PDB file of N, CA and C in Angstrom:
ATOM      1  N   MET A   1     -35.874-110.165  98.926  1.00  0.00           N
ATOM      2  CA  MET A   1     -35.173-110.385 100.166  1.00  0.00           C
ATOM      3  C   MET A   1     -36.172-110.545 101.307  1.00  0.00           C
ATOM      4  N   ARG A   2     -37.195-109.708 101.338  1.00  0.00           N
ATOM      5  CA  ARG A   2     -38.192-109.782 102.405  1.00  0.00           C
ATOM      6  C   ARG A   2     -38.932-111.113 102.373  1.00  0.00           C
ATOM      7  N   GLU A   3     -39.289-111.550 101.179  1.00  0.00           N
ATOM      8  CA  GLU A   3     -40.028-112.803 101.067  1.00  0.00           C
ATOM      9  C   GLU A   3     -39.185-113.992 101.520  1.00  0.00           C
ATOM     10  N   ILE A   4     -37.919-113.980 101.190  1.00  0.00           N
ATOM     11  CA  ILE A   4     -37.035-115.053 101.651  1.00  0.00           C
ATOM     12  C   ILE A   4     -36.997-115.071 103.177  1.00  0.00           C
ATOM     13  N   LEU A   5     -36.850-113.904 103.780  1.00  0.00           N
ATOM     14  CA  LEU A   5     -36.798-113.841 105.234  1.00  0.00           C
ATOM     15  C   LEU A   5     -38.125-114.246 105.877  1.00  0.00           C
ATOM     16  N   VAL A   6     -39.241-113.866 105.265  1.00  0.00           N
ATOM     17  CA  VAL A   6     -40.549-114.232 105.820  1.00  0.00           C
ATOM     18  C   VAL A   6     -40.781-115.728 105.709  1.00  0.00           C
ATOM     19  N   ARG A   7     -40.426-116.304 104.582  1.00  0.00           N
ATOM     20  CA  ARG A   7     -40.719-117.724 104.353  1.00  0.00           C
ATOM     21  C   ARG A   7     -39.712-118.675 104.988  1.00  0.00           C
ATOM     22  N   ARG A   8     -38.448-118.280 105.087  1.00  0.00           N
ATOM     23  CA  ARG A   8     -37.394-119.219 105.486  1.00  0.00           C
ATOM     24  C   ARG A   8     -36.756-118.932 106.838  1.00  0.00           C
ATOM     25  N   SER A   9     -37.257-117.970 107.564  1.00  0.00           N
ATOM     26  CA  SER A   9     -36.656-117.657 108.860  1.00  0.00           C
ATOM     27  C   SER A   9     -37.773-117.409 109.879  1.00  0.00           C
ATOM     28  N   PRO A  10     -37.442-117.352 111.135  1.00  0.00           N
ATOM     29  CA  PRO A  10     -38.465-117.081 112.158  1.00  0.00           C
ATOM     30  C   PRO A  10     -38.753-115.585 112.322  1.00  0.00           C
ATOM     31  N   LEU A  11     -38.484-114.791 111.313  1.00  0.00           N
ATOM     32  CA  LEU A  11     -38.618-113.336 111.434  1.00  0.00           C
ATOM     33  C   LEU A  11     -39.998-112.795 111.101  1.00  0.00           C
ATOM     34  N   ARG A  12     -40.915-113.623 110.656  1.00  0.00           N
ATOM     35  CA  ARG A  12     -42.245-113.127 110.288  1.00  0.00           C
ATOM     36  C   ARG A  12     -42.883-112.437 111.491  1.00  0.00           C
ATOM     37  N   GLY A  13     -43.228-111.183 111.306  1.00  0.00           N
ATOM     38  CA  GLY A  13     -43.828-110.397 112.377  1.00  0.00           C
ATOM     39  C   GLY A  13     -42.821-109.809 113.353  1.00  0.00           C
ATOM     40  N   SER A  14     -41.547-110.029 113.128  1.00  0.00           N
ATOM     41  CA  SER A  14     -40.507-109.528 114.014  1.00  0.00           C
ATOM     42  C   SER A  14     -40.133-108.095 113.654  1.00  0.00           C
ATOM     43  N   ARG A  15     -39.693-107.360 114.643  1.00  0.00           N
ATOM     44  CA  ARG A  15     -39.239-105.985 114.371  1.00  0.00           C
ATOM     45  C   ARG A  15     -37.910-105.974 113.616  1.00  0.00           C
ATOM     46  N   TRP A  16     -37.227-107.111 113.540  1.00  0.00           N
ATOM     47  CA  TRP A  16     -35.962-107.218 112.826  1.00  0.00           C
ATOM     48  C   TRP A  16     -36.149-107.452 111.330  1.00  0.00           C
ATOM     49  N   LEU A  17     -37.358-107.768 110.904  1.00  0.00           N
ATOM     50  CA  LEU A  17     -37.590-108.086 109.498  1.00  0.00           C
ATOM     51  C   LEU A  17     -37.210-106.929 108.567  1.00  0.00           C
ATOM     52  N   ALA A  18     -37.697-105.742 108.842  1.00  0.00           N
ATOM     53  CA  ALA A  18     -37.434-104.595 107.959  1.00  0.00           C
ATOM     54  C   ALA A  18     -35.945-104.221 107.917  1.00  0.00           C
ATOM     55  N   PRO A  19     -35.272-104.060 109.078  1.00  0.00           N
ATOM     56  CA  PRO A  19     -33.851-103.696 108.993  1.00  0.00           C
ATOM     57  C   PRO A  19     -32.997-104.757 108.298  1.00  0.00           C
ATOM     58  N   LEU A  20     -33.288-106.030 108.544  1.00  0.00           N
ATOM     59  CA  LEU A  20     -32.497-107.072 107.891  1.00  0.00           C
ATOM     60  C   LEU A  20     -32.791-107.156 106.399  1.00  0.00           C
ATOM     61  N   THR A  21     -34.004-106.819 106.005  1.00  0.00           N
ATOM     62  CA  THR A  21     -34.335-106.756 104.580  1.00  0.00           C
ATOM     63  C   THR A  21     -33.515-105.666 103.901  1.00  0.00           C
ATOM     64  N   VAL A  22     -33.478-104.496 104.510  1.00  0.00           N
ATOM     65  CA  VAL A  22     -32.694-103.389 103.953  1.00  0.00           C
ATOM     66  C   VAL A  22     -31.210-103.764 103.923  1.00  0.00           C
ATOM     67  N   CYS A  23     -30.719-104.379 104.991  1.00  0.00           N
ATOM     68  CA  CYS A  23     -29.305-104.795 105.023  1.00  0.00           C
ATOM     69  C   CYS A  23     -28.997-105.802 103.917  1.00  0.00           C
ATOM     70  N   GLY A  24     -29.910-106.724 103.676  1.00  0.00           N
ATOM     71  CA  GLY A  24     -29.707-107.700 102.608  1.00  0.00           C
ATOM     72  C   GLY A  24     -29.651-107.028 101.241  1.00  0.00           C
ATOM     73  N   CYS A  25     -30.538-106.059 101.029  1.00  0.00           N
ATOM     74  CA  CYS A  25     -30.531-105.331  99.753  1.00  0.00           C
ATOM     75  C   CYS A  25     -29.241-104.538  99.589  1.00  0.00           C
ATOM     76  N   LEU A  26     -28.773-103.917 100.669  1.00  0.00           N
ATOM     77  CA  LEU A  26     -27.516-103.175 100.600  1.00  0.00           C
ATOM     78  C   LEU A  26     -26.332-104.111 100.381  1.00  0.00           C
ATOM     79  N   ALA A  27     -26.365-105.284 100.989  1.00  0.00           N
ATOM     80  CA  ALA A  27     -25.283-106.250 100.784  1.00  0.00           C
ATOM     81  C   ALA A  27     -25.231-106.695  99.327  1.00  0.00           C
ATOM     82  N   PHE A  28     -26.406-106.936  98.731  1.00  0.00           N
ATOM     83  CA  PHE A  28     -26.429-107.321  97.327  1.00  0.00           C
ATOM     84  C   PHE A  28     -25.920-106.183  96.450  1.00  0.00           C
ATOM     85  N   SER A  29     -26.293-104.959  96.773  1.00  0.00           N
ATOM     86  CA  SER A  29     -25.819-103.806  96.015  1.00  0.00           C
ATOM     87  C   SER A  29     -24.300-103.679  96.119  1.00  0.00           C
ATOM     88  N   ALA A  30     -23.760-103.862  97.314  1.00  0.00           N
ATOM     89  CA  ALA A  30     -22.305-103.793  97.494  1.00  0.00           C
ATOM     90  C   ALA A  30     -21.615-104.910  96.725  1.00  0.00           C
ATOM     91  N   PHE A  31     -22.198-106.099  96.724  1.00  0.00           N
ATOM     92  CA  PHE A  31     -21.639-107.215  95.967  1.00  0.00           C
ATOM     93  C   PHE A  31     -21.600-106.882  94.473  1.00  0.00           C
ATOM     94  N   PHE A  32     -22.671-106.299  93.967  1.00  0.00           N
ATOM     95  CA  PHE A  32     -22.704-105.924  92.558  1.00  0.00           C
ATOM     96  C   PHE A  32     -21.646-104.861  92.256  1.00  0.00           C
ATOM     97  N   GLU A  33     -21.460-103.918  93.159  1.00  0.00           N
ATOM     98  CA  GLU A  33     -20.422-102.900  92.954  1.00  0.00           C
ATOM     99  C   GLU A  33     -19.035-103.530  92.956  1.00  0.00           C
ATOM    100  N   MET A  34     -18.842-104.567  93.752  1.00  0.00           N
ATOM    101  CA  MET A  34     -17.556-105.280  93.742  1.00  0.00           C
ATOM    102  C   MET A  34     -17.340-105.974  92.394  1.00  0.00           C
ATOM    103  N   ILE A  35     -18.412-106.512  91.822  1.00  0.00           N
ATOM    104  CA  ILE A  35     -18.304-107.124  90.487  1.00  0.00           C
ATOM    105  C   ILE A  35     -17.926-106.060  89.457  1.00  0.00           C
ATOM    106  N   GLU A  36     -18.536-104.876  89.555  1.00  0.00           N
ATOM    107  CA  GLU A  36     -18.183-103.786  88.641  1.00  0.00           C
ATOM    108  C   GLU A  36     -16.717-103.387  88.814  1.00  0.00           C
ATOM    109  N   TRP A  37     -16.258-103.315  90.048  1.00  0.00           N
ATOM    110  CA  TRP A  37     -14.864-102.973  90.301  1.00  0.00           C
ATOM    111  C   TRP A  37     -13.940-104.026  89.693  1.00  0.00           C
ATOM    112  N   TRP A  38     -14.280-105.294  89.890  1.00  0.00           N
ATOM    113  CA  TRP A  38     -13.487-106.377  89.323  1.00  0.00           C
ATOM    114  C   TRP A  38     -13.449-106.272  87.793  1.00  0.00           C
ATOM    115  N   ALA A  39     -14.592-105.944  87.178  1.00  0.00           N
ATOM    116  CA  ALA A  39     -14.641-105.784  85.726  1.00  0.00           C
ATOM    117  C   ALA A  39     -13.731-104.637  85.283  1.00  0.00           C
ATOM    118  N   ALA A  40     -13.684-103.576  86.077  1.00  0.00           N
ATOM    119  CA  ALA A  40     -12.815-102.448  85.738  1.00  0.00           C
ATOM    120  C   ALA A  40     -11.350-102.839  85.839  1.00  0.00           C
ATOM    121  N   VAL A  41     -11.004-103.637  86.842  1.00  0.00           N
ATOM    122  CA  VAL A  41      -9.624-104.069  87.008  1.00  0.00           C
ATOM    123  C   VAL A  41      -9.217-104.997  85.871  1.00  0.00           C
ATOM    124  N   VAL A  42     -10.079-105.941  85.535  1.00  0.00           N
ATOM    125  CA  VAL A  42      -9.773-106.915  84.490  1.00  0.00           C
ATOM    126  C   VAL A  42      -9.821-106.275  83.109  1.00  0.00           C
ATOM    127  N   GLY A  43     -10.813-105.420  82.895  1.00  0.00           N
ATOM    128  CA  GLY A  43     -11.024-104.846  81.570  1.00  0.00           C
ATOM    129  C   GLY A  43     -10.107-103.708  81.206  1.00  0.00           C
ATOM    130  N   GLY A  44      -9.469-103.126  82.188  1.00  0.00           N
ATOM    131  CA  GLY A  44      -8.564-102.018  81.903  1.00  0.00           C
ATOM    132  C   GLY A  44      -9.296-100.784  81.422  1.00  0.00           C
ATOM    133  N   PRO A  45      -8.674-100.002  80.545  1.00  0.00           N
ATOM    134  CA  PRO A  45      -9.270 -98.734  80.091  1.00  0.00           C
ATOM    135  C   PRO A  45     -10.629 -98.898  79.391  1.00  0.00           C
ATOM    136  N   GLY A  46     -10.849-100.015  78.699  1.00  0.00           N
ATOM    137  CA  GLY A  46     -12.122-100.218  78.012  1.00  0.00           C
ATOM    138  C   GLY A  46     -13.286-100.496  78.947  1.00  0.00           C
ATOM    139  N   ALA A  47     -12.992-100.806  80.202  1.00  0.00           N
ATOM    140  CA  ALA A  47     -14.053-101.132  81.154  1.00  0.00           C
ATOM    141  C   ALA A  47     -14.902 -99.914  81.502  1.00  0.00           C
ATOM    142  N   TYR A  48     -14.332 -98.733  81.416  1.00  0.00           N
ATOM    143  CA  TYR A  48     -15.090 -97.537  81.770  1.00  0.00           C
ATOM    144  C   TYR A  48     -16.276 -97.320  80.845  1.00  0.00           C
ATOM    145  N   ASP A  49     -16.144 -97.697  79.583  1.00  0.00           N
ATOM    146  CA  ASP A  49     -17.276 -97.618  78.661  1.00  0.00           C
ATOM    147  C   ASP A  49     -18.354 -98.625  79.055  1.00  0.00           C
ATOM    148  N   PHE A  50     -17.927 -99.798  79.477  1.00  0.00           N
ATOM    149  CA  PHE A  50     -18.863-100.840  79.894  1.00  0.00           C
ATOM    150  C   PHE A  50     -19.610-100.442  81.163  1.00  0.00           C
ATOM    151  N   LEU A  51     -18.918 -99.829  82.105  1.00  0.00           N
ATOM    152  CA  LEU A  51     -19.525 -99.506  83.391  1.00  0.00           C
ATOM    153  C   LEU A  51     -20.466 -98.312  83.306  1.00  0.00           C
ATOM    154  N   ALA A  52     -20.358 -97.506  82.301  1.00  0.00           N
ATOM    155  CA  ALA A  52     -21.272 -96.387  82.057  1.00  0.00           C
ATOM    156  C   ALA A  52     -21.376 -95.446  83.246  1.00  0.00           C
ATOM    157  N   THR A  53     -20.246 -95.086  83.827  1.00  0.00           N
ATOM    158  CA  THR A  53     -20.274 -94.143  84.945  1.00  0.00           C
ATOM    159  C   THR A  53     -20.453 -92.705  84.473  1.00  0.00           C
ATOM    160  N   GLN A  54     -20.320 -92.463  83.203  1.00  0.00           N
ATOM    161  CA  GLN A  54     -20.457 -91.139  82.604  1.00  0.00           C
ATOM    162  C   GLN A  54     -19.595 -90.100  83.311  1.00  0.00           C
ATOM    163  N   GLY A  55     -18.425 -90.539  83.775  1.00  0.00           N
ATOM    164  CA  GLY A  55     -17.506 -89.605  84.414  1.00  0.00           C
ATOM    165  C   GLY A  55     -17.861 -89.255  85.846  1.00  0.00           C
ATOM    166  N   ASP A  56     -18.844 -89.901  86.424  1.00  0.00           N
ATOM    167  CA  ASP A  56     -19.266 -89.609  87.795  1.00  0.00           C
ATOM    168  C   ASP A  56     -18.413 -90.417  88.766  1.00  0.00           C
ATOM    169  N   VAL A  57     -17.552 -89.737  89.518  1.00  0.00           N
ATOM    170  CA  VAL A  57     -16.690 -90.444  90.460  1.00  0.00           C
ATOM    171  C   VAL A  57     -17.480 -91.006  91.648  1.00  0.00           C
ATOM    172  N   TRP A  58     -18.688 -90.528  91.840  1.00  0.00           N
ATOM    173  CA  TRP A  58     -19.543 -90.990  92.942  1.00  0.00           C
ATOM    174  C   TRP A  58     -20.558 -92.018  92.492  1.00  0.00           C
ATOM    175  N   ASP A  59     -20.364 -92.634  91.330  1.00  0.00           N
ATOM    176  CA  ASP A  59     -21.341 -93.577  90.780  1.00  0.00           C
ATOM    177  C   ASP A  59     -21.633 -94.732  91.739  1.00  0.00           C
ATOM    178  N   THR A  60     -20.599 -95.309  92.322  1.00  0.00           N
ATOM    179  CA  THR A  60     -20.781 -96.431  93.242  1.00  0.00           C
ATOM    180  C   THR A  60     -21.594 -96.010  94.454  1.00  0.00           C
ATOM    181  N   GLN A  61     -21.266 -94.854  95.009  1.00  0.00           N
ATOM    182  CA  GLN A  61     -21.985 -94.373  96.188  1.00  0.00           C
ATOM    183  C   GLN A  61     -23.440 -94.053  95.855  1.00  0.00           C
ATOM    184  N   TRP A  62     -23.667 -93.458  94.690  1.00  0.00           N
ATOM    185  CA  TRP A  62     -25.037 -93.168  94.269  1.00  0.00           C
ATOM    186  C   TRP A  62     -25.843 -94.452  94.100  1.00  0.00           C
ATOM    187  N   ASP A  63     -25.218 -95.451  93.471  1.00  0.00           N
ATOM    188  CA  ASP A  63     -25.914 -96.722  93.266  1.00  0.00           C
ATOM    189  C   ASP A  63     -26.326 -97.337  94.594  1.00  0.00           C
ATOM    190  N   MET A  64     -25.427 -97.337  95.557  1.00  0.00           N
ATOM    191  CA  MET A  64     -25.743 -97.938  96.848  1.00  0.00           C
ATOM    192  C   MET A  64     -26.738 -97.086  97.637  1.00  0.00           C
ATOM    193  N   PHE A  65     -26.630 -95.774  97.551  1.00  0.00           N
ATOM    194  CA  PHE A  65     -27.606 -94.901  98.208  1.00  0.00           C
ATOM    195  C   PHE A  65     -29.006 -95.128  97.637  1.00  0.00           C
ATOM    196  N   LEU A  66     -29.091 -95.228  96.325  1.00  0.00           N
ATOM    197  CA  LEU A  66     -30.399 -95.450  95.711  1.00  0.00           C
ATOM    198  C   LEU A  66     -30.940 -96.846  96.011  1.00  0.00           C
ATOM    199  N   ALA A  67     -30.070 -97.826  96.221  1.00  0.00           N
ATOM    200  CA  ALA A  67     -30.521 -99.143  96.682  1.00  0.00           C
ATOM    201  C   ALA A  67     -31.127 -99.018  98.075  1.00  0.00           C
ATOM    202  N   LEU A  68     -30.511 -98.224  98.932  1.00  0.00           N
ATOM    203  CA  LEU A  68     -31.043 -97.974 100.277  1.00  0.00           C
ATOM    204  C   LEU A  68     -32.400 -97.289 100.203  1.00  0.00           C
ATOM    205  N   VAL A  69     -32.498 -96.251  99.403  1.00  0.00           N
ATOM    206  CA  VAL A  69     -33.757 -95.519  99.262  1.00  0.00           C
ATOM    207  C   VAL A  69     -34.842 -96.419  98.678  1.00  0.00           C
ATOM    208  N   GLY A  70     -34.502 -97.194  97.656  1.00  0.00           N
ATOM    209  CA  GLY A  70     -35.476 -98.087  97.032  1.00  0.00           C
ATOM    210  C   GLY A  70     -35.962 -99.173  97.972  1.00  0.00           C
ATOM    211  N   ALA A  71     -35.044 -99.791  98.721  1.00  0.00           N
ATOM    212  CA  ALA A  71     -35.432-100.847  99.654  1.00  0.00           C
ATOM    213  C   ALA A  71     -36.315-100.288 100.765  1.00  0.00           C
ATOM    214  N   THR A  72     -35.949 -99.137 101.294  1.00  0.00           N
ATOM    215  CA  THR A  72     -36.732 -98.529 102.372  1.00  0.00           C
ATOM    216  C   THR A  72     -38.113 -98.108 101.879  1.00  0.00           C
ATOM    217  N   THR A  73     -38.167 -97.498 100.711  1.00  0.00           N
ATOM    218  CA  THR A  73     -39.446 -97.067 100.145  1.00  0.00           C
ATOM    219  C   THR A  73     -40.346 -98.262  99.861  1.00  0.00           C
ATOM    220  N   ALA A  74     -39.774 -99.309  99.285  1.00  0.00           N
ATOM    221  CA  ALA A  74     -40.571-100.505  98.999  1.00  0.00           C
ATOM    222  C   ALA A  74     -41.120-101.111 100.276  1.00  0.00           C
ATOM    223  N   LEU A  75     -40.319-101.160 101.325  1.00  0.00           N
ATOM    224  CA  LEU A  75     -40.805-101.695 102.601  1.00  0.00           C
ATOM    225  C   LEU A  75     -41.948-100.856 103.156  1.00  0.00           C
ATOM    226  N   LEU A  76     -41.782 -99.543 103.124  1.00  0.00           N
ATOM    227  CA  LEU A  76     -42.811 -98.666 103.676  1.00  0.00           C
ATOM    228  C   LEU A  76     -44.113 -98.721 102.888  1.00  0.00           C
ATOM    229  N   LEU A  77     -44.017 -98.807 101.570  1.00  0.00           N
ATOM    230  CA  LEU A  77     -45.209 -98.742 100.735  1.00  0.00           C
ATOM    231  C   LEU A  77     -45.838-100.094 100.421  1.00  0.00           C
ATOM    232  N   LEU A  78     -45.061-101.162 100.433  1.00  0.00           N
ATOM    233  CA  LEU A  78     -45.563-102.427  99.907  1.00  0.00           C
ATOM    234  C   LEU A  78     -45.622-103.582 100.911  1.00  0.00           C
ATOM    235  N   SER A  79     -45.155-103.398 102.135  1.00  0.00           N
ATOM    236  CA  SER A  79     -45.111-104.505 103.094  1.00  0.00           C
ATOM    237  C   SER A  79     -46.485-105.079 103.393  1.00  0.00           C
ATOM    238  N   ARG A  80     -47.478-104.224 103.607  1.00  0.00           N
ATOM    239  CA  ARG A  80     -48.831-104.722 103.912  1.00  0.00           C
ATOM    240  C   ARG A  80     -49.404-105.514 102.753  1.00  0.00           C
ATOM    241  N   ALA A  81     -49.235-105.002 101.545  1.00  0.00           N
ATOM    242  CA  ALA A  81     -49.744-105.718 100.360  1.00  0.00           C
ATOM    243  C   ALA A  81     -49.005-107.048 100.210  1.00  0.00           C
ATOM    244  N   HIS A  82     -47.729-107.068 100.475  1.00  0.00           N
ATOM    245  CA  HIS A  82     -46.952-108.293 100.393  1.00  0.00           C
ATOM    246  C   HIS A  82     -47.439-109.314 101.426  1.00  0.00           C
ATOM    247  N   ASP A  83     -47.711-108.855 102.640  1.00  0.00           N
ATOM    248  CA  ASP A  83     -48.234-109.752 103.676  1.00  0.00           C
ATOM    249  C   ASP A  83     -49.590-110.328 103.274  1.00  0.00           C
ATOM    250  N   ARG A  84     -50.443-109.490 102.689  1.00  0.00           N
ATOM    251  CA  ARG A  84     -51.757-109.987 102.232  1.00  0.00           C
ATOM    252  C   ARG A  84     -51.598-111.043 101.149  1.00  0.00           C
ATOM    253  N   GLN A  85     -50.704-110.808 100.207  1.00  0.00           N
ATOM    254  CA  GLN A  85     -50.481-111.780  99.137  1.00  0.00           C
ATOM    255  C   GLN A  85     -49.921-113.086  99.678  1.00  0.00           C
ATOM    256  N   LEU A  86     -48.994-112.998 100.605  1.00  0.00           N
ATOM    257  CA  LEU A  86     -48.438-114.214 101.198  1.00  0.00           C
ATOM    258  C   LEU A  86     -49.502-114.960 101.995  1.00  0.00           C
ATOM    259  N   GLY A  87     -50.361-114.223 102.701  1.00  0.00           N
ATOM    260  CA  GLY A  87     -51.451-114.857 103.443  1.00  0.00           C
ATOM    261  C   GLY A  87     -52.429-115.556 102.525  1.00  0.00           C
ATOM    262  N   ALA A  88     -52.782-114.916 101.415  1.00  0.00           N
ATOM    263  CA  ALA A  88     -53.697-115.530 100.448  1.00  0.00           C
ATOM    264  C   ALA A  88     -53.068-116.760  99.816  1.00  0.00           C
ATOM    265  N   LEU A  89     -51.801-116.698  99.520  1.00  0.00           N
ATOM    266  CA  LEU A  89     -51.100-117.839  98.941  1.00  0.00           C
ATOM    267  C   LEU A  89     -51.057-119.002  99.928  1.00  0.00           C
ATOM    268  N   GLU A  90     -50.807-118.685 101.183  1.00  0.00           N
ATOM    269  CA  GLU A  90     -50.771-119.715 102.216  1.00  0.00           C
ATOM    270  C   GLU A  90     -52.150-120.348 102.408  1.00  0.00           C
ATOM    271  N   ALA A  91     -53.201-119.532 102.396  1.00  0.00           N
ATOM    272  CA  ALA A  91     -54.574-120.042 102.536  1.00  0.00           C
ATOM    273  C   ALA A  91     -54.932-120.919 101.339  1.00  0.00           C
ATOM    274  N   GLN A  92     -54.536-120.515 100.148  1.00  0.00           N
ATOM    275  CA  GLN A  92     -54.798-121.289  98.952  1.00  0.00           C
ATOM    276  C   GLN A  92     -54.072-122.631  99.008  1.00  0.00           C
ATOM    277  N   ARG A  93     -52.861-122.612  99.511  1.00  0.00           N
ATOM    278  CA  ARG A  93     -52.083-123.837  99.613  1.00  0.00           C
ATOM    279  C   ARG A  93     -52.696-124.818 100.609  1.00  0.00           C
ATOM    280  N   ARG A  94     -53.255-124.292 101.705  1.00  0.00           N
ATOM    281  CA  ARG A  94     -53.899-125.139 102.703  1.00  0.00           C
ATOM    282  C   ARG A  94     -55.175-125.761 102.182  1.00  0.00           C
ATOM    283  N   GLY A  95     -55.831-125.063 101.274  1.00  0.00           N
ATOM    284  CA  GLY A  95     -57.070-125.574 100.694  1.00  0.00           C
ATOM    285  C   GLY A  95     -58.288-125.211 101.520  1.00  0.00           C
ATOM    286  N   PRO A  96     -59.473-125.569 101.019  1.00  0.00           N
ATOM    287  CA  PRO A  96     -60.719-125.180 101.677  1.00  0.00           C
ATOM    288  C   PRO A  96     -60.922-125.855 103.031  1.00  0.00           C
ATOM    289  N   SER A  97     -60.294-126.987 103.269  1.00  0.00           N
ATOM    290  CA  SER A  97     -60.473-127.691 104.541  1.00  0.00           C
ATOM    291  C   SER A  97     -59.639-127.083 105.651  1.00  0.00           C
ATOM    292  N   GLY A  98     -58.656-126.224 105.273  1.00  0.00           N
ATOM    293  CA  GLY A  98     -57.827-125.565 106.271  1.00  0.00           C
ATOM    294  C   GLY A  98     -56.682-126.439 106.742  1.00  0.00           C
ATOM    295  N   GLY A  99     -56.455-127.582 106.141  1.00  0.00           N
ATOM    296  CA  GLY A  99     -55.389-128.456 106.632  1.00  0.00           C
ATOM    297  C   GLY A  99     -54.428-128.731 105.605  1.00  0.00           C
TER     298      GLY A  99
END
């Protein structure tokens, strides 16, 4: 999500990059939970085995909370390394002449 925003939007270096990255990850997580819900509705009683909630009524909330924690942790720990890799890739693409 971060790479898409850095490459395809004017957000590179913006203070909005990190929050919108987390929001995008949470939106994808919510979308996936909606797919699981749809599978439960369509599949009926057999869907519970497929969804593997193990009887946890908070499974959806846990999944989305952990998506939040994972996205935030990845941003905090890996953003600088990601920027360096994107910079090196961009320099390589420009070539030795710089153009």
